[in-house]
Amino acid sequence: MSSVPLGEDLGIEASADLKDRLAACLGQAGVLQLDGSQVRRVHTAGMQVLCALFRSRRASGLCTELHGSSEALRDAARLLGLSAELGLAANEQEDKLNEVENAA
């Protein structure tokens, strides 16, 4: 299993660099973990690059996971309707359950 940090900036200006960095991981065997814990800035272009990676690897039968996603990354995925595509939908449901449990 390999882990790739996404860094802080997934803005449009950084999307070409992100694409180049992730292109090297397209055919990588095994589970690829992306660390989104440091992401602070997100644009749609960055999300498109992530979705393309997930879809391409899935089509090749390879697993890609997003771990440690920041609030900015989760919010962008939710607003763009990409939570399920990036494997964040289950995490959002768990967060909601925890909020309800901790409300008392």
Foldseek 3Di string as FASTA:
>chain_A
DEEAEPAAELDPVCLVVSLVVCVVVQPPAAEYEYEQQNHDYHDVSSVVSVLVSLVSNVVVVYHYAYPNRHPVRVVVCVVVVNCVSRVNPVVVVVVVVVCVVPVD
